[in-house]
Amino acid sequence: MNLAKRPYDLRHAGISFWLASGVDPAECARKAGQSIQVLFRYYAKFLAGTRDRANQLIEHSMNQWEATRTPG
């Protein structure tokens, strides 16, 4: 049983897994030894989840900041 047809397939799967797991795209690019532009070009479909997570983190932080500014 082959895990992949080519070694590149395993590399692609690994990078895709990192991105889907929420690893920072810049760190994924660094670990993969490629530019972030290449990462965005070939793995953009996996970045949608990280974008959603980033937006959740930003919204949460903004809510916390507002809560500390509101008297009460």
Protein backbone atom coordinates (compact mmCIF):
# COMPACT_ATOMS: atom_id res chain seq x y z
CA MET A 1 0.00 0.00 0.00
CA ASN A 2 1.38 3.40 -1.01
CA LEU A 3 0.70 6.44 1.11
CA ALA A 4 1.25 8.71 -1.87
CA LYS A 5 2.10 8.43 -5.53
CA ARG A 6 4.98 10.89 -5.15
CA PRO A 7 6.94 12.18 -2.15
CA TYR A 8 5.60 15.65 -3.02
CA ASP A 9 2.09 14.40 -2.19
CA LEU A 10 3.12 13.78 1.41
CA ARG A 11 4.70 17.24 1.62
CA HIS A 12 1.52 18.81 0.28
CA ALA A 13 -0.57 16.85 2.77
CA GLY A 14 1.68 17.92 5.64
CA ILE A 15 1.53 21.61 4.78
CA SER A 16 -2.22 21.38 4.23
CA PHE A 17 -2.59 19.73 7.63
CA TRP A 18 -0.56 22.47 9.35
CA LEU A 19 -2.75 25.16 7.80
CA ALA A 20 -5.99 23.34 8.57
CA SER A 21 -4.77 22.95 12.17
CA GLY A 22 -4.46 26.71 12.51
CA VAL A 23 -0.69 27.09 12.29
CA ASP A 24 0.26 30.64 11.28
CA PRO A 25 0.72 30.78 7.48
CA ALA A 26 4.05 32.60 7.83
CA GLU A 27 5.34 29.80 10.05
CA CYS A 28 4.06 27.16 7.61
CA ALA A 29 5.89 28.91 4.77
CA ARG A 30 9.08 29.07 6.83
CA LYS A 31 8.89 25.39 7.79
CA ALA A 32 8.15 24.42 4.18
CA GLY A 33 11.07 26.48 2.91
CA GLN A 34 8.99 28.58 0.57
CA SER A 35 7.73 32.12 0.34
CA ILE A 36 4.42 33.10 1.82
CA GLN A 37 3.31 34.11 -1.69
CA VAL A 38 3.79 30.53 -2.88
CA LEU A 39 1.95 29.25 0.18
CA PHE A 40 -1.03 31.51 -0.57
CA ARG A 41 -1.02 30.52 -4.24
CA TYR A 42 -1.09 26.76 -3.69
CA TYR A 43 -2.80 26.41 -0.32
CA ALA A 44 -5.35 29.24 -0.33
CA LYS A 45 -8.29 26.86 0.15
CA PHE A 46 -6.86 25.80 3.51
CA LEU A 47 -6.39 29.38 4.66
CA ALA A 48 -10.12 30.14 4.85
CA GLY A 49 -10.31 28.30 8.17
CA THR A 50 -7.37 30.22 9.57
CA ARG A 51 -8.97 33.48 8.44
CA ASP A 52 -12.17 32.58 10.27
CA ARG A 53 -10.21 31.69 13.40
CA ALA A 54 -8.24 34.93 13.21
CA ASN A 55 -11.46 36.91 12.94
CA GLN A 56 -12.85 35.11 16.01
CA LEU A 57 -9.72 35.94 17.99
CA ILE A 58 -9.87 39.58 16.94
CA GLU A 59 -13.55 39.86 17.82
CA HIS A 60 -12.97 38.21 21.20
CA SER A 61 -10.10 40.58 21.98
CA MET A 62 -12.13 43.61 20.96
CA ASN A 63 -15.00 42.50 23.20
CA GLN A 64 -12.61 42.07 26.13
CA TRP A 65 -11.10 45.49 25.48
CA GLU A 66 -14.56 47.10 25.35
CA ALA A 67 -15.54 45.36 28.60
CA THR A 68 -12.55 46.89 30.40
CA ARG A 69 -13.40 50.38 29.09
CA THR A 70 -17.07 50.24 30.07
CA PRO A 71 -17.76 51.44 33.62
CA GLY A 72 -19.78 49.07 35.59
